[in-house]
Full PDB file with SEQRES, HELIX, SHEET, SSBOND, CRYST1, ORIGX, SCALE, CONECT and MASTER records, all heavy atoms in Angstrom:
SEQRES   1 A   40  ALA ILE ILE THR GLY THR LEU SER VAL ALA MET GLY LEU          
SEQRES   2 A   40  LEU LEU LEU LYS GLU ALA GLY LEU LEU THR GLY GLY THR          
SEQRES   3 A   40  THR GLY LEU ALA ILE LEU ILE HIS TYR SER THR GLY ILE          
SEQRES   4 A   40  SER                                                          
HELIX    1 AA1 ILE A    2  GLU A   18  1                                  17    
HELIX    2 AA2 GLY A   25  THR A   37  1                                  13    
CRYST1    1.000    1.000    1.000  90.00  90.00  90.00 P 1           1          
ORIGX1      1.000000  0.000000  0.000000        0.00000                         
ORIGX2      0.000000  1.000000  0.000000        0.00000                         
ORIGX3      0.000000  0.000000  1.000000        0.00000                         
SCALE1      1.000000  0.000000  0.000000        0.00000                         
SCALE2      0.000000  1.000000  0.000000        0.00000                         
SCALE3      0.000000  0.000000  1.000000        0.00000                         
ATOM      1  N   ALA A   1     214.388 194.668 108.196  1.00  0.00           N  
ATOM      2  CA  ALA A   1     214.722 194.829 106.786  1.00  0.00           C  
ATOM      3  C   ALA A   1     213.907 195.958 106.166  1.00  0.00           C  
ATOM      4  O   ALA A   1     214.434 196.772 105.386  1.00  0.00           O  
ATOM      5  CB  ALA A   1     214.479 193.524 106.024  1.00  0.00           C  
ATOM      6  N   ILE A   2     212.622 196.018 106.497  1.00  0.00           N  
ATOM      7  CA  ILE A   2     211.766 197.078 105.962  1.00  0.00           C  
ATOM      8  C   ILE A   2     212.212 198.438 106.484  1.00  0.00           C  
ATOM      9  O   ILE A   2     212.294 199.411 105.720  1.00  0.00           O  
ATOM     10  CB  ILE A   2     210.290 196.807 106.311  1.00  0.00           C  
ATOM     11  CG1 ILE A   2     209.778 195.606 105.500  1.00  0.00           C  
ATOM     12  CG2 ILE A   2     209.424 198.041 106.028  1.00  0.00           C  
ATOM     13  CD1 ILE A   2     208.374 195.179 105.865  1.00  0.00           C  
ATOM     14  N   ILE A   3     212.538 198.511 107.766  1.00  0.00           N  
ATOM     15  CA  ILE A   3     212.993 199.783 108.341  1.00  0.00           C  
ATOM     16  C   ILE A   3     214.311 200.226 107.702  1.00  0.00           C  
ATOM     17  O   ILE A   3     214.485 201.381 107.303  1.00  0.00           O  
ATOM     18  CB  ILE A   3     213.157 199.657 109.867  1.00  0.00           C  
ATOM     19  CG1 ILE A   3     211.786 199.488 110.530  1.00  0.00           C  
ATOM     20  CG2 ILE A   3     213.863 200.893 110.435  1.00  0.00           C  
ATOM     21  CD1 ILE A   3     211.857 199.204 112.016  1.00  0.00           C  
ATOM     22  N   THR A   4     215.263 199.293 107.604  1.00  0.00           N  
ATOM     23  CA  THR A   4     216.574 199.615 107.044  1.00  0.00           C  
ATOM     24  C   THR A   4     216.488 199.940 105.562  1.00  0.00           C  
ATOM     25  O   THR A   4     217.030 200.946 105.091  1.00  0.00           O  
ATOM     26  CB  THR A   4     217.545 198.437 107.249  1.00  0.00           C  
ATOM     27  OG1 THR A   4     217.623 198.108 108.628  1.00  0.00           O  
ATOM     28  CG2 THR A   4     218.939 198.790 106.731  1.00  0.00           C  
ATOM     29  N   GLY A   5     215.802 199.078 104.806  1.00  0.00           N  
ATOM     30  CA  GLY A   5     215.713 199.279 103.368  1.00  0.00           C  
ATOM     31  C   GLY A   5     214.982 200.551 102.983  1.00  0.00           C  
ATOM     32  O   GLY A   5     215.417 201.285 102.087  1.00  0.00           O  
ATOM     33  N   THR A   6     213.876 200.830 103.660  1.00  0.00           N  
ATOM     34  CA  THR A   6     213.105 202.024 103.309  1.00  0.00           C  
ATOM     35  C   THR A   6     213.833 203.311 103.681  1.00  0.00           C  
ATOM     36  O   THR A   6     213.683 204.329 103.000  1.00  0.00           O  
ATOM     37  CB  THR A   6     211.716 202.014 103.970  1.00  0.00           C  
ATOM     38  OG1 THR A   6     211.855 201.883 105.392  1.00  0.00           O  
ATOM     39  CG2 THR A   6     210.869 200.873 103.426  1.00  0.00           C  
ATOM     40  N   LEU A   7     214.618 203.289 104.749  1.00  0.00           N  
ATOM     41  CA  LEU A   7     215.413 204.472 105.098  1.00  0.00           C  
ATOM     42  C   LEU A   7     216.432 204.756 104.002  1.00  0.00           C  
ATOM     43  O   LEU A   7     216.621 205.905 103.598  1.00  0.00           O  
ATOM     44  CB  LEU A   7     216.115 204.269 106.433  1.00  0.00           C  
ATOM     45  CG  LEU A   7     217.060 205.409 106.858  1.00  0.00           C  
ATOM     46  CD1 LEU A   7     216.304 206.730 106.990  1.00  0.00           C  
ATOM     47  CD2 LEU A   7     217.767 205.066 108.169  1.00  0.00           C  
ATOM     48  N   SER A   8     217.084 203.712 103.505  1.00  0.00           N  
ATOM     49  CA  SER A   8     218.049 203.876 102.423  1.00  0.00           C  
ATOM     50  C   SER A   8     217.366 204.430 101.170  1.00  0.00           C  
ATOM     51  O   SER A   8     217.885 205.351 100.525  1.00  0.00           O  
ATOM     52  CB  SER A   8     218.711 202.529 102.111  1.00  0.00           C  
ATOM     53  OG  SER A   8     219.656 202.658 101.074  1.00  0.00           O  
ATOM     54  N   VAL A   9     216.201 203.899 100.839  1.00  0.00           N  
ATOM     55  CA  VAL A   9     215.460 204.379  99.671  1.00  0.00           C  
ATOM     56  C   VAL A   9     215.036 205.833  99.847  1.00  0.00           C  
ATOM     57  O   VAL A   9     215.188 206.660  98.939  1.00  0.00           O  
ATOM     58  CB  VAL A   9     214.218 203.493  99.407  1.00  0.00           C  
ATOM     59  CG1 VAL A   9     213.312 204.124  98.350  1.00  0.00           C  
ATOM     60  CG2 VAL A   9     214.642 202.103  98.960  1.00  0.00           C  
ATOM     61  N   ALA A  10     214.492 206.164 101.018  1.00  0.00           N  
ATOM     62  CA  ALA A  10     214.035 207.527 101.271  1.00  0.00           C  
ATOM     63  C   ALA A  10     215.174 208.537 101.173  1.00  0.00           C  
ATOM     64  O   ALA A  10     215.020 209.617 100.588  1.00  0.00           O  
ATOM     65  CB  ALA A  10     213.366 207.611 102.643  1.00  0.00           C  
ATOM     66  N   MET A  11     216.342 208.194 101.716  1.00  0.00           N  
ATOM     67  CA  MET A  11     217.490 209.102 101.636  1.00  0.00           C  
ATOM     68  C   MET A  11     217.938 209.281 100.192  1.00  0.00           C  
ATOM     69  O   MET A  11     218.271 210.389  99.758  1.00  0.00           O  
ATOM     70  CB  MET A  11     218.637 208.550 102.476  1.00  0.00           C  
ATOM     71  CG  MET A  11     218.413 208.612 103.985  1.00  0.00           C  
ATOM     72  SD  MET A  11     218.163 210.296 104.605  1.00  0.00           S  
ATOM     73  CE  MET A  11     219.732 211.060 104.163  1.00  0.00           C  
ATOM     74  N   GLY A  12     217.938 208.189  99.422  1.00  0.00           N  
ATOM     75  CA  GLY A  12     218.305 208.291  98.015  1.00  0.00           C  
ATOM     76  C   GLY A  12     217.335 209.161  97.233  1.00  0.00           C  
ATOM     77  O   GLY A  12     217.744 209.995  96.410  1.00  0.00           O  
ATOM     78  N   LEU A  13     216.044 208.987  97.497  1.00  0.00           N  
ATOM     79  CA  LEU A  13     215.034 209.782  96.806  1.00  0.00           C  
ATOM     80  C   LEU A  13     215.147 211.265  97.151  1.00  0.00           C  
ATOM     81  O   LEU A  13     214.968 212.137  96.287  1.00  0.00           O  
ATOM     82  CB  LEU A  13     213.630 209.272  97.158  1.00  0.00           C  
ATOM     83  CG  LEU A  13     213.223 207.934  96.548  1.00  0.00           C  
ATOM     84  CD1 LEU A  13     211.866 207.494  97.093  1.00  0.00           C  
ATOM     85  CD2 LEU A  13     213.183 208.028  95.029  1.00  0.00           C  
ATOM     86  N   LEU A  14     215.446 211.561  98.399  1.00  0.00           N  
ATOM     87  CA  LEU A  14     215.581 212.953  98.809  1.00  0.00           C  
ATOM     88  C   LEU A  14     216.781 213.613  98.137  1.00  0.00           C  
ATOM     89  O   LEU A  14     216.731 214.798  97.792  1.00  0.00           O  
ATOM     90  CB  LEU A  14     215.702 213.044 100.332  1.00  0.00           C  
ATOM     91  CG  LEU A  14     214.393 212.788 101.088  1.00  0.00           C  
ATOM     92  CD1 LEU A  14     214.652 212.698 102.592  1.00  0.00           C  
ATOM     93  CD2 LEU A  14     213.370 213.878 100.784  1.00  0.00           C  
ATOM     94  N   LEU A  15     217.871 212.843  97.941  1.00  0.00           N  
ATOM     95  CA  LEU A  15     219.022 213.384  97.211  1.00  0.00           C  
ATOM     96  C   LEU A  15     218.625 213.733  95.777  1.00  0.00           C  
ATOM     97  O   LEU A  15     218.955 214.806  95.260  1.00  0.00           O  
ATOM     98  CB  LEU A  15     220.173 212.376  97.203  1.00  0.00           C  
ATOM     99  CG  LEU A  15     220.963 212.195  98.499  1.00  0.00           C  
ATOM    100  CD1 LEU A  15     222.028 211.122  98.323  1.00  0.00           C  
ATOM    101  CD2 LEU A  15     221.615 213.516  98.922  1.00  0.00           C  
ATOM    102  N   LEU A  16     217.922 212.818  95.120  1.00  0.00           N  
ATOM    103  CA  LEU A  16     217.483 213.063  93.749  1.00  0.00           C  
ATOM    104  C   LEU A  16     216.545 214.268  93.679  1.00  0.00           C  
ATOM    105  O   LEU A  16     216.683 215.131  92.808  1.00  0.00           O  
ATOM    106  CB  LEU A  16     216.772 211.836  93.188  1.00  0.00           C  
ATOM    107  CG  LEU A  16     217.595 210.544  93.048  1.00  0.00           C  
ATOM    108  CD1 LEU A  16     216.726 209.433  92.467  1.00  0.00           C  
ATOM    109  CD2 LEU A  16     218.823 210.759  92.181  1.00  0.00           C  
ATOM    110  N   LYS A  17     215.597 214.317  94.598  1.00  0.00           N  
ATOM    111  CA  LYS A  17     214.607 215.400  94.603  1.00  0.00           C  
ATOM    112  C   LYS A  17     215.286 216.745  94.858  1.00  0.00           C  
ATOM    113  O   LYS A  17     214.961 217.740  94.210  1.00  0.00           O  
ATOM    114  CB  LYS A  17     213.559 215.111  95.680  1.00  0.00           C  
ATOM    115  CG  LYS A  17     212.439 216.128  95.778  1.00  0.00           C  
ATOM    116  CD  LYS A  17     211.364 215.631  96.725  1.00  0.00           C  
ATOM    117  CE  LYS A  17     210.298 216.698  96.971  1.00  0.00           C  
ATOM    118  NZ  LYS A  17     210.819 217.796  97.812  1.00  0.00           N  
ATOM    119  N   GLU A  18     216.221 216.802  95.799  1.00  0.00           N  
ATOM    120  CA  GLU A  18     216.914 218.048  96.127  1.00  0.00           C  
ATOM    121  C   GLU A  18     217.727 218.552  94.942  1.00  0.00           C  
ATOM    122  O   GLU A  18     217.852 219.767  94.744  1.00  0.00           O  
ATOM    123  CB  GLU A  18     217.821 217.838  97.334  1.00  0.00           C  
ATOM    124  CG  GLU A  18     218.498 219.103  97.845  1.00  0.00           C  
ATOM    125  CD  GLU A  18     217.509 220.124  98.386  1.00  0.00           C  
ATOM    126  OE1 GLU A  18     216.441 219.709  98.888  1.00  0.00           O  
ATOM    127  OE2 GLU A  18     217.794 221.333  98.303  1.00  0.00           O  
ATOM    128  N   ALA A  19     218.262 217.630  94.141  1.00  0.00           N  
ATOM    129  CA  ALA A  19     219.066 218.013  92.975  1.00  0.00           C  
ATOM    130  C   ALA A  19     218.205 218.278  91.743  1.00  0.00           C  
ATOM    131  O   ALA A  19     218.736 218.629  90.682  1.00  0.00           O  
ATOM    132  CB  ALA A  19     220.088 216.922  92.673  1.00  0.00           C  
ATOM    133  N   GLY A  20     216.895 218.088  91.858  1.00  0.00           N  
ATOM    134  CA  GLY A  20     216.006 218.319  90.729  1.00  0.00           C  
ATOM    135  C   GLY A  20     216.087 217.249  89.668  1.00  0.00           C  
ATOM    136  O   GLY A  20     215.846 217.501  88.482  1.00  0.00           O  
ATOM    137  N   LEU A  21     216.416 216.008  90.083  1.00  0.00           N  
ATOM    138  CA  LEU A  21     216.581 214.905  89.145  1.00  0.00           C  
ATOM    139  C   LEU A  21     215.324 214.051  89.060  1.00  0.00           C  
ATOM    140  O   LEU A  21     214.443 214.138  89.913  1.00  0.00           O  
ATOM    141  CB  LEU A  21     217.772 214.036  89.578  1.00  0.00           C  
ATOM    142  CG  LEU A  21     219.127 214.735  89.647  1.00  0.00           C  
ATOM    143  CD1 LEU A  21     220.191 213.778  90.159  1.00  0.00           C  
ATOM    144  CD2 LEU A  21     219.523 215.303  88.290  1.00  0.00           C  
ATOM    145  N   LEU A  22     215.286 213.212  88.051  1.00  0.00           N  
ATOM    146  CA  LEU A  22     214.179 212.291  87.844  1.00  0.00           C  
ATOM    147  C   LEU A  22     214.644 210.869  88.148  1.00  0.00           C  
ATOM    148  O   LEU A  22     215.833 210.594  88.224  1.00  0.00           O  
ATOM    149  CB  LEU A  22     213.695 212.367  86.392  1.00  0.00           C  
ATOM    150  CG  LEU A  22     213.283 213.742  85.881  1.00  0.00           C  
ATOM    151  CD1 LEU A  22     213.026 213.678  84.377  1.00  0.00           C  
ATOM    152  CD2 LEU A  22     212.052 214.251  86.614  1.00  0.00           C  
ATOM    153  N   THR A  23     213.686 209.987  88.306  1.00  0.00           N  
ATOM    154  CA  THR A  23     214.010 208.576  88.452  1.00  0.00           C  
ATOM    155  C   THR A  23     212.874 207.774  87.822  1.00  0.00           C  
ATOM    156  O   THR A  23     211.946 208.353  87.266  1.00  0.00           O  
ATOM    157  CB  THR A  23     214.212 208.193  89.930  1.00  0.00           C  
ATOM    158  OG1 THR A  23     214.744 206.857  90.011  1.00  0.00           O  
ATOM    159  CG2 THR A  23     212.914 208.266  90.728  1.00  0.00           C  
ATOM    160  N   GLY A  24     212.971 206.443  87.900  1.00  0.00           N  
ATOM    161  CA  GLY A  24     212.007 205.619  87.197  1.00  0.00           C  
ATOM    162  C   GLY A  24     210.909 205.062  88.077  1.00  0.00           C  
ATOM    163  O   GLY A  24     210.786 205.407  89.261  1.00  0.00           O  
ATOM    164  N   GLY A  25     210.102 204.165  87.491  1.00  0.00           N  
ATOM    165  CA  GLY A  25     209.052 203.481  88.233  1.00  0.00           C  
ATOM    166  C   GLY A  25     207.941 204.398  88.689  1.00  0.00           C  
ATOM    167  O   GLY A  25     207.798 205.539  88.237  1.00  0.00           O  
ATOM    168  N   THR A  26     207.130 203.895  89.606  1.00  0.00           N  
ATOM    169  CA  THR A  26     206.052 204.721  90.145  1.00  0.00           C  
ATOM    170  C   THR A  26     206.613 205.885  90.957  1.00  0.00           C  
ATOM    171  O   THR A  26     205.967 206.928  91.066  1.00  0.00           O  
ATOM    172  CB  THR A  26     205.124 203.873  91.046  1.00  0.00           C  
ATOM    173  OG1 THR A  26     205.905 203.136  91.986  1.00  0.00           O  
ATOM    174  CG2 THR A  26     204.298 202.909  90.213  1.00  0.00           C  
ATOM    175  N   THR A  27     207.817 205.710  91.500  1.00  0.00           N  
ATOM    176  CA  THR A  27     208.477 206.820  92.187  1.00  0.00           C  
ATOM    177  C   THR A  27     208.763 207.945  91.207  1.00  0.00           C  
ATOM    178  O   THR A  27     208.562 209.125  91.518  1.00  0.00           O  
ATOM    179  CB  THR A  27     209.791 206.351  92.831  1.00  0.00           C  
ATOM    180  OG1 THR A  27     209.527 205.293  93.748  1.00  0.00           O  
ATOM    181  CG2 THR A  27     210.460 207.495  93.571  1.00  0.00           C  
ATOM    182  N   GLY A  28     209.224 207.571  90.008  1.00  0.00           N  
ATOM    183  CA  GLY A  28     209.470 208.579  88.982  1.00  0.00           C  
ATOM    184  C   GLY A  28     208.194 209.284  88.563  1.00  0.00           C  
ATOM    185  O   GLY A  28     208.181 210.508  88.362  1.00  0.00           O  
ATOM    186  N   LEU A  29     207.104 208.523  88.444  1.00  0.00           N  
ATOM    187  CA  LEU A  29     205.815 209.135  88.123  1.00  0.00           C  
ATOM    188  C   LEU A  29     205.393 210.109  89.220  1.00  0.00           C  
ATOM    189  O   LEU A  29     204.859 211.195  88.934  1.00  0.00           O  
ATOM    190  CB  LEU A  29     204.745 208.053  87.945  1.00  0.00           C  
ATOM    191  CG  LEU A  29     204.850 207.177  86.699  1.00  0.00           C  
ATOM    192  CD1 LEU A  29     203.770 206.094  86.736  1.00  0.00           C  
ATOM    193  CD2 LEU A  29     204.719 208.011  85.436  1.00  0.00           C  
ATOM    194  N   ALA A  30     205.632 209.714  90.475  1.00  0.00           N  
ATOM    195  CA  ALA A  30     205.283 210.592  91.595  1.00  0.00           C  
ATOM    196  C   ALA A  30     206.097 211.882  91.551  1.00  0.00           C  
ATOM    197  O   ALA A  30     205.570 212.967  91.832  1.00  0.00           O  
ATOM    198  CB  ALA A  30     205.512 209.860  92.915  1.00  0.00           C  
ATOM    199  N   ILE A  31     207.377 211.770  91.189  1.00  0.00           N  
ATOM    200  CA  ILE A  31     208.215 212.964  91.087  1.00  0.00           C  
ATOM    201  C   ILE A  31     207.721 213.872  89.963  1.00  0.00           C  
ATOM    202  O   ILE A  31     207.650 215.102  90.116  1.00  0.00           O  
ATOM    203  CB  ILE A  31     209.689 212.573  90.853  1.00  0.00           C  
ATOM    204  CG1 ILE A  31     210.282 211.962  92.130  1.00  0.00           C  
ATOM    205  CG2 ILE A  31     210.518 213.790  90.430  1.00  0.00           C  
ATOM    206  CD1 ILE A  31     211.722 211.516  91.990  1.00  0.00           C  
ATOM    207  N   LEU A  32     207.360 213.279  88.826  1.00  0.00           N  
ATOM    208  CA  LEU A  32     206.846 214.075  87.714  1.00  0.00           C  
ATOM    209  C   LEU A  32     205.585 214.834  88.115  1.00  0.00           C  
ATOM    210  O   LEU A  32     205.443 216.024  87.804  1.00  0.00           O  
ATOM    211  CB  LEU A  32     206.543 213.164  86.518  1.00  0.00           C  
ATOM    212  CG  LEU A  32     207.732 212.515  85.806  1.00  0.00           C  
ATOM    213  CD1 LEU A  32     207.240 211.598  84.697  1.00  0.00           C  
ATOM    214  CD2 LEU A  32     208.671 213.561  85.248  1.00  0.00           C  
ATOM    215  N   ILE A  33     204.685 214.145  88.792  1.00  0.00           N  
ATOM    216  CA  ILE A  33     203.447 214.797  89.232  1.00  0.00           C  
ATOM    217  C   ILE A  33     203.750 215.874  90.265  1.00  0.00           C  
ATOM    218  O   ILE A  33     203.164 216.969  90.240  1.00  0.00           O  
ATOM    219  CB  ILE A  33     202.463 213.752  89.802  1.00  0.00           C  
ATOM    220  CG1 ILE A  33     202.036 212.775  88.704  1.00  0.00           C  
ATOM    221  CG2 ILE A  33     201.242 214.436  90.410  1.00  0.00           C  
ATOM    222  CD1 ILE A  33     201.217 211.600  89.213  1.00  0.00           C  
ATOM    223  N   HIS A  34     204.683 215.589  91.176  1.00  0.00           N  
ATOM    224  CA  HIS A  34     205.061 216.563  92.201  1.00  0.00           C  
ATOM    225  C   HIS A  34     205.652 217.817  91.568  1.00  0.00           C  
ATOM    226  O   HIS A  34     205.281 218.942  91.926  1.00  0.00           O  
ATOM    227  CB  HIS A  34     206.070 215.930  93.158  1.00  0.00           C  
ATOM    228  CG  HIS A  34     206.721 216.918  94.085  1.00  0.00           C  
ATOM    229  ND1 HIS A  34     206.039 217.515  95.130  1.00  0.00           N  
ATOM    230  CD2 HIS A  34     207.989 217.416  94.118  1.00  0.00           C  
ATOM    231  CE1 HIS A  34     206.854 218.340  95.767  1.00  0.00           C  
ATOM    232  NE2 HIS A  34     208.036 218.297  95.170  1.00  0.00           N  
ATOM    233  N   TYR A  35     206.586 217.641  90.625  1.00  0.00           N  
ATOM    234  CA  TYR A  35     207.192 218.793  89.948  1.00  0.00           C  
ATOM    235  C   TYR A  35     206.140 219.600  89.203  1.00  0.00           C  
ATOM    236  O   TYR A  35     206.230 220.827  89.123  1.00  0.00           O  
ATOM    237  CB  TYR A  35     208.255 218.324  88.950  1.00  0.00           C  
ATOM    238  CG  TYR A  35     209.557 217.860  89.581  1.00  0.00           C  
ATOM    239  CD1 TYR A  35     210.504 217.176  88.819  1.00  0.00           C  
ATOM    240  CD2 TYR A  35     209.854 218.096  90.918  1.00  0.00           C  
ATOM    241  CE1 TYR A  35     211.706 216.744  89.364  1.00  0.00           C  
ATOM    242  CE2 TYR A  35     211.035 217.670  91.486  1.00  0.00           C  
ATOM    243  CZ  TYR A  35     211.973 216.991  90.696  1.00  0.00           C  
ATOM    244  OH  TYR A  35     213.152 216.567  91.244  1.00  0.00           O  
ATOM    245  N   SER A  36     205.147 218.922  88.629  1.00  0.00           N  
ATOM    246  CA  SER A  36     204.141 219.588  87.788  1.00  0.00           C  
ATOM    247  C   SER A  36     203.052 220.283  88.593  1.00  0.00           C  
ATOM    248  O   SER A  36     202.511 221.303  88.158  1.00  0.00           O  
ATOM    249  CB  SER A  36     203.498 218.569  86.837  1.00  0.00           C  
ATOM    250  OG  SER A  36     204.458 217.952  86.015  1.00  0.00           O  
ATOM    251  N   THR A  37     202.717 219.722  89.763  1.00  0.00           N  
ATOM    252  CA  THR A  37     201.570 220.229  90.520  1.00  0.00           C  
ATOM    253  C   THR A  37     201.925 220.833  91.880  1.00  0.00           C  
ATOM    254  O   THR A  37     201.148 221.614  92.427  1.00  0.00           O  
ATOM    255  CB  THR A  37     200.554 219.097  90.770  1.00  0.00           C  
ATOM    256  OG1 THR A  37     201.144 218.113  91.629  1.00  0.00           O  
ATOM    257  CG2 THR A  37     200.154 218.445  89.442  1.00  0.00           C  
ATOM    258  N   GLY A  38     203.068 220.413  92.446  1.00  0.00           N  
ATOM    259  CA  GLY A  38     203.442 220.885  93.777  1.00  0.00           C  
ATOM    260  C   GLY A  38     202.775 220.117  94.900  1.00  0.00           C  
ATOM    261  O   GLY A  38     202.980 220.420  96.076  1.00  0.00           O  
ATOM    262  N   ILE A  39     201.980 219.088  94.560  1.00  0.00           N  
ATOM    263  CA  ILE A  39     201.342 218.256  95.579  1.00  0.00           C  
ATOM    264  C   ILE A  39     202.409 217.452  96.321  1.00  0.00           C  
ATOM    265  O   ILE A  39     203.429 217.077  95.748  1.00  0.00           O  
ATOM    266  CB  ILE A  39     200.308 217.308  94.934  1.00  0.00           C  
ATOM    267  CG1 ILE A  39     199.209 218.114  94.244  1.00  0.00           C  
ATOM    268  CG2 ILE A  39     199.702 216.367  95.975  1.00  0.00           C  
ATOM    269  CD1 ILE A  39     198.230 217.273  93.451  1.00  0.00           C  
ATOM    270  N   SER A  40     202.167 217.168  97.591  1.00  0.00           N  
ATOM    271  CA  SER A  40     203.102 216.428  98.435  1.00  0.00           C  
ATOM    272  C   SER A  40     203.613 215.166  97.740  1.00  0.00           C  
ATOM    273  O   SER A  40     202.828 214.310  97.317  1.00  0.00           O  
ATOM    274  CB  SER A  40     202.416 216.044  99.746  1.00  0.00           C  
ATOM    275  OG  SER A  40     203.182 215.078 100.448  1.00  0.00           O  
TER     276      SER A  40                                                      
MASTER        0    0    0    2    0    0    0    6  275    1    0    4          
END                                                                             
């Protein structure tokens, strides 16, 4: 379940990131920091 679920989440996040979109939660905070600083 962890392997399957996390793969689905990771693919979804990569789609959002590639399109330059935002999302919510701590993932959204991570994207904001990434866009602002360029850190991994």
